[in-house]
N, C-alpha and C. Protein backbone atom coordinates (compact mmCIF):
# COMPACT_ATOMS: atom_id res chain seq x y z
N MET A 1 6.30 10.83 12.74
CA MET A 1 6.97 12.24 12.51
C MET A 1 7.58 12.36 13.92
N LYS A 2 8.39 13.49 13.10
CA LYS A 2 8.63 14.65 14.17
C LYS A 2 7.55 15.48 15.22
N ASP A 3 7.32 15.89 15.94
CA ASP A 3 6.16 17.20 16.27
C ASP A 3 7.20 17.77 15.54
N TRP A 4 5.72 19.47 15.48
CA TRP A 4 6.16 20.70 14.59
C TRP A 4 6.99 21.46 15.51
N LEU A 5 6.88 21.68 16.59
CA LEU A 5 8.32 22.67 17.49
C LEU A 5 9.40 21.86 17.21
N THR A 6 10.21 20.58 17.61
CA THR A 6 11.15 19.36 16.70
C THR A 6 11.42 19.87 15.85
N ILE A 7 10.71 20.06 14.63
CA ILE A 7 11.30 20.60 13.11
C ILE A 7 11.00 21.96 12.92
N LEU A 8 10.19 23.04 13.98
CA LEU A 8 10.36 24.68 13.61
C LEU A 8 11.67 24.85 14.57
N ARG A 9 12.63 24.25 15.59
CA ARG A 9 13.75 24.63 16.15
C ARG A 9 14.86 24.02 15.12
N GLU A 10 15.02 22.68 14.03
CA GLU A 10 16.14 22.16 13.82
C GLU A 10 15.70 22.96 12.71
N GLU A 11 15.35 23.48 11.85
CA GLU A 11 15.13 24.60 10.96
C GLU A 11 15.29 25.47 10.98
N VAL A 12 14.86 25.89 12.53
CA VAL A 12 16.00 27.61 12.56
C VAL A 12 17.84 27.17 13.17
N ALA A 13 17.69 26.26 13.90
CA ALA A 13 19.22 25.93 13.66
C ALA A 13 20.20 25.55 12.49
N LYS A 14 19.15 24.90 11.09
CA LYS A 14 20.34 25.41 10.31
C LYS A 14 20.13 26.12 9.30
N THR A 15 19.18 27.68 9.49
CA THR A 15 19.79 28.60 8.85
C THR A 15 18.91 29.67 9.83
N SER A 16 18.00 30.47 9.87
CA SER A 16 18.16 31.61 11.07
C SER A 16 16.47 31.62 11.29
N MET A 17 15.62 32.69 12.11
CA MET A 17 14.94 32.73 12.61
C MET A 17 13.96 33.71 10.75
N ALA A 18 15.44 34.16 10.82
CA ALA A 18 14.22 35.36 9.66
C ALA A 18 14.35 34.05 8.06
N ASP A 19 14.99 33.27 8.48
CA ASP A 19 15.16 32.58 6.90
C ASP A 19 13.29 31.49 6.92
N VAL A 20 13.63 31.10 8.18
CA VAL A 20 12.33 30.09 8.23
C VAL A 20 11.43 30.76 8.16
N ALA A 21 11.64 32.23 8.73
CA ALA A 21 10.03 32.71 8.37
C ALA A 21 9.55 33.11 7.24
N ALA A 22 10.66 33.63 6.97
CA ALA A 22 10.19 34.24 5.29
C ALA A 22 10.06 32.69 4.35
N LYS A 23 10.53 31.91 4.69
CA LYS A 23 9.61 30.03 3.91
C LYS A 23 8.33 30.07 4.62
N LEU A 24 8.20 30.48 5.62
CA LEU A 24 6.37 29.94 6.31
C LEU A 24 6.28 31.29 6.07
N ASP A 25 6.27 32.03 5.33
CA ASP A 25 4.93 33.36 4.80
C ASP A 25 4.95 34.46 5.73
N TYR A 26 6.09 34.40 6.75
CA TYR A 26 5.76 35.56 7.93
C TYR A 26 7.06 37.02 7.38
N ASN A 27 5.98 38.03 7.95
CA ASN A 27 6.52 39.03 7.28
C ASN A 27 8.24 39.31 7.90
N ASN A 28 7.80 38.92 9.09
CA ASN A 28 9.63 39.22 10.14
C ASN A 28 9.57 38.13 10.92
N HIS A 29 10.53 37.68 11.76
CA HIS A 29 11.06 36.61 12.42
C HIS A 29 10.25 36.32 13.93
N THR A 30 9.96 37.95 14.40
CA THR A 30 8.59 38.22 15.88
C THR A 30 7.92 37.12 16.16
N THR A 31 7.53 36.13 15.23
CA THR A 31 5.99 35.22 15.32
C THR A 31 6.99 34.12 15.81
N ILE A 32 8.13 33.38 15.01
CA ILE A 32 9.19 32.27 15.29
C ILE A 32 9.09 32.67 16.37
N SER A 33 9.94 33.68 16.81
CA SER A 33 10.77 33.65 18.42
C SER A 33 9.98 33.16 19.71
N LEU A 34 8.47 34.21 19.36
CA LEU A 34 8.14 34.13 20.05
C LEU A 34 7.50 33.00 20.42
N VAL A 35 7.39 31.91 19.08
CA VAL A 35 7.14 30.38 19.69
C VAL A 35 7.84 29.41 20.14
N LEU A 36 8.76 29.71 19.81
CA LEU A 36 9.76 28.89 20.30
C LEU A 36 10.04 29.38 21.63
N LYS A 37 10.05 30.57 22.46
CA LYS A 37 10.33 30.92 24.01
C LYS A 37 9.48 30.50 24.84
N GLY A 38 7.94 29.71 23.41
CA GLY A 38 6.66 29.89 23.80
C GLY A 38 5.66 30.89 24.93
N THR A 39 6.04 32.50 24.72
CA THR A 39 5.71 33.87 24.91
C THR A 39 4.94 33.87 23.94
N TYR A 40 4.08 33.31 22.94
CA TYR A 40 2.86 33.54 21.92
C TYR A 40 1.80 33.50 21.96
N PRO A 41 1.10 34.98 22.16
CA PRO A 41 0.03 35.23 22.59
C PRO A 41 -1.59 33.93 22.63
N ALA A 42 -1.20 33.75 20.61
CA ALA A 42 -2.49 32.88 20.18
C ALA A 42 -2.15 32.02 20.13
N LYS A 43 -3.64 31.00 20.42
CA LYS A 43 -2.71 29.24 19.17
C LYS A 43 -2.11 29.33 18.41
N THR A 44 -1.33 28.30 19.37
CA THR A 44 0.38 27.98 17.66
C THR A 44 -0.71 26.80 16.73
N ASP A 45 -1.62 26.55 16.13
CA ASP A 45 -2.46 25.40 15.26
C ASP A 45 -1.63 26.35 13.71
N LYS A 46 -2.15 27.64 13.70
CA LYS A 46 -2.14 27.99 12.51
C LYS A 46 -0.52 27.73 11.94
N VAL A 47 0.51 28.26 12.91
CA VAL A 47 2.02 28.07 12.98
C VAL A 47 1.74 26.39 12.78
N ALA A 48 1.85 25.54 13.80
CA ALA A 48 2.64 24.44 13.97
C ALA A 48 1.85 23.43 11.71
N ALA A 49 1.06 24.41 11.85
CA ALA A 49 0.34 23.64 10.54
C ALA A 49 0.96 23.49 8.82
N LYS A 50 1.56 24.85 9.35
CA LYS A 50 2.64 26.18 8.21
C LYS A 50 4.19 25.19 8.63
N VAL A 51 4.37 24.83 10.14
CA VAL A 51 5.74 24.22 9.59
C VAL A 51 5.56 22.60 9.54
N LEU A 52 4.50 22.13 9.41
CA LEU A 52 4.40 20.63 8.98
C LEU A 52 4.39 20.84 7.38
N GLU A 53 3.73 21.95 7.23
CA GLU A 53 3.40 21.92 5.71
C GLU A 53 4.53 21.74 4.58
N THR A 54 5.68 22.56 5.14
CA THR A 54 6.50 23.59 4.70
C THR A 54 7.68 22.54 5.26
N PHE A 55 7.67 21.79 6.82
CA PHE A 55 9.07 21.37 6.19
C PHE A 55 8.58 20.21 6.80
N ALA A 56 8.20 18.79 6.91
CA ALA A 56 7.75 17.80 7.56
C ALA A 56 7.77 16.70 5.99
N ARG A 57 8.47 16.14 6.41
CA ARG A 57 8.36 15.09 5.05
C ARG A 57 8.35 13.81 5.81
N LEU A 58 7.85 13.24 4.45
CA LEU A 58 7.13 11.71 4.31
C LEU A 58 7.51 11.16 3.27
N THR A 59 8.32 9.69 3.32
CA THR A 59 8.77 8.96 2.22
C THR A 59 6.68 8.41 1.31
N CYS A 60 7.56 8.95 -0.20
CA CYS A 60 5.94 8.05 -0.93
C CYS A 60 6.22 6.95 -1.29
N PRO A 61 5.13 6.11 -0.84
CA PRO A 61 5.47 5.47 -0.69
C PRO A 61 5.66 4.32 -2.47
N HIS A 62 4.96 5.19 -3.51
CA HIS A 62 5.31 5.32 -4.88
C HIS A 62 6.38 4.76 -5.38
N THR A 63 7.11 6.12 -4.95
CA THR A 63 8.57 6.44 -5.34
C THR A 63 9.68 6.08 -5.04
N SER A 64 9.31 5.90 -2.95
CA SER A 64 9.96 5.71 -2.22
C SER A 64 11.04 7.31 -1.55
N ILE A 65 10.94 8.30 -2.45
CA ILE A 65 11.54 9.70 -2.53
C ILE A 65 10.39 9.99 -1.27
N GLU A 66 11.94 11.28 -0.41
CA GLU A 66 11.51 11.58 0.67
C GLU A 66 10.86 12.94 0.00
N ILE A 67 9.89 14.23 0.05
CA ILE A 67 8.81 14.66 0.00
C ILE A 67 8.47 15.60 0.48
N THR A 68 7.70 16.83 0.56
CA THR A 68 6.94 17.60 1.85
C THR A 68 5.42 17.10 1.83
N HIS A 69 4.72 17.26 2.53
CA HIS A 69 3.27 17.99 2.42
C HIS A 69 2.93 18.51 1.45
N ALA A 70 3.59 19.29 1.07
CA ALA A 70 2.77 19.87 0.36
C ALA A 70 3.27 19.74 -1.01
N GLU A 71 3.82 19.05 -1.35
CA GLU A 71 4.43 18.38 -2.77
C GLU A 71 3.66 17.24 -2.86
N CYS A 72 3.40 16.38 -1.70
CA CYS A 72 2.47 15.64 -2.04
C CYS A 72 1.62 16.27 -1.90
N ARG A 73 0.41 16.73 -1.79
CA ARG A 73 -0.64 17.73 -1.62
C ARG A 73 -0.52 17.90 -3.64
N LYS A 74 0.39 18.65 -4.06
CA LYS A 74 0.29 18.42 -4.62
C LYS A 74 0.06 17.47 -5.81
N LEU A 75 0.64 16.71 -5.84
CA LEU A 75 0.62 15.17 -6.29
C LEU A 75 -0.77 14.40 -6.36
N ALA A 76 -1.52 14.80 -5.52
CA ALA A 76 -2.60 14.13 -5.15
C ALA A 76 -4.04 14.92 -5.33
N THR A 77 -3.48 16.08 -5.73
CA THR A 77 -4.32 16.94 -6.37
C THR A 77 -4.49 17.74 -7.80
N SER A 78 -3.25 17.58 -8.20
CA SER A 78 -3.36 17.59 -9.41
C SER A 78 -4.71 16.68 -10.39
N ALA A 79 -4.47 17.65 -11.96
CA ALA A 79 -5.39 16.96 -12.54
C ALA A 79 -4.68 15.66 -13.21
N VAL A 80 -6.04 14.96 -13.46
CA VAL A 80 -5.10 14.40 -14.08
C VAL A 80 -4.31 13.90 -15.21
N PRO A 81 -2.94 13.15 -15.27
CA PRO A 81 -1.90 14.11 -16.31
C PRO A 81 -2.54 12.97 -17.26
N THR A 82 -2.49 13.11 -18.33
CA THR A 82 -3.56 12.11 -19.84
C THR A 82 -1.91 12.22 -20.55
N SER A 83 -0.80 13.41 -20.31
CA SER A 83 0.30 13.20 -21.60
C SER A 83 1.41 12.00 -20.74
N SER A 84 1.48 11.66 -19.92
CA SER A 84 2.63 10.56 -19.47
C SER A 84 1.93 9.14 -19.10
N PRO A 85 2.34 8.14 -19.45
CA PRO A 85 2.43 6.67 -18.56
C PRO A 85 2.88 7.36 -16.65
N GLN A 86 3.85 7.43 -16.63
CA GLN A 86 4.76 7.57 -15.52
C GLN A 86 3.72 8.18 -14.83
N ALA A 87 3.49 9.32 -14.91
CA ALA A 87 2.27 9.71 -14.59
C ALA A 87 1.40 10.18 -14.45
N MET A 88 0.18 9.15 -15.13
CA MET A 88 -0.85 8.77 -14.68
C MET A 88 -0.57 7.25 -13.53
N ARG A 89 0.74 6.39 -13.55
CA ARG A 89 0.12 5.88 -12.26
C ARG A 89 0.45 6.13 -10.88
N HIS A 90 1.41 6.87 -11.43
CA HIS A 90 2.03 7.86 -9.80
C HIS A 90 0.53 8.64 -9.06
N TRP A 91 0.23 9.66 -10.17
CA TRP A 91 -1.52 9.62 -10.26
C TRP A 91 -1.74 8.81 -9.28
N ARG A 92 -2.42 7.88 -9.89
CA ARG A 92 -3.63 6.86 -9.71
C ARG A 92 -2.83 6.46 -8.13
N ALA A 93 -1.39 6.38 -7.96
CA ALA A 93 -1.56 5.95 -6.84
C ALA A 93 -1.89 6.94 -5.86
N CYS A 94 -1.56 7.99 -5.97
CA CYS A 94 -1.82 9.03 -4.73
C CYS A 94 -3.52 8.78 -4.40
N GLN A 95 -3.82 8.81 -5.71
CA GLN A 95 -5.17 8.26 -4.76
C GLN A 95 -5.94 7.29 -3.60
N SER A 96 -5.27 6.82 -3.47
CA SER A 96 -5.25 5.41 -2.88
C SER A 96 -4.24 5.37 -1.53
N CYS A 97 -3.22 6.73 -1.72
CA CYS A 97 -2.46 6.48 -1.07
C CYS A 97 -2.74 7.46 0.10
N PRO A 98 -2.28 6.06 1.50
CA PRO A 98 -2.66 5.98 2.84
C PRO A 98 -1.69 7.77 3.33
N ASN A 99 -1.01 8.07 3.17
CA ASN A 99 -0.52 9.82 3.09
C ASN A 99 -1.74 11.01 2.33
N LYS A 100 -2.53 10.35 2.04
CA LYS A 100 -3.52 11.61 1.18
C LYS A 100 -4.71 12.29 2.39
N GLY A 101 -4.67 10.31 3.50
CA GLY A 101 -5.47 11.30 4.16
C GLY A 101 -4.79 12.08 5.29
N GLU A 102 -3.55 12.53 5.28
CA GLU A 102 -3.06 13.45 6.58
C GLU A 102 -3.01 14.00 5.55
N GLN A 103 -3.29 14.91 4.54
CA GLN A 103 -2.99 15.80 4.45
C GLN A 103 -3.60 17.11 4.80
N LYS A 104 -3.58 18.54 4.64
CA LYS A 104 -4.33 19.46 6.03
C LYS A 104 -4.79 20.57 4.76
């Protein structure tokens, strides 16, 4: 997987700092700007976690479809689905998935 700073740079290049900041739930693009310039005055671990959670993608071993970490976590931690056999198979696969251990 790409490192979080590379992912952040790519996302900003695709859209804008303001758009990326909004997707990361920051009020303005100042944080993104400072991180990209290497002048952010605090630790960047929280920014890194948000970038990975929001933009990093992984391939679901059950469906072979690329999804975000947030989508993966939502599936793995959801309530047991009882109305759909397909959803139940997916949920069961999530419980022993190697990606489940990567959840933040």
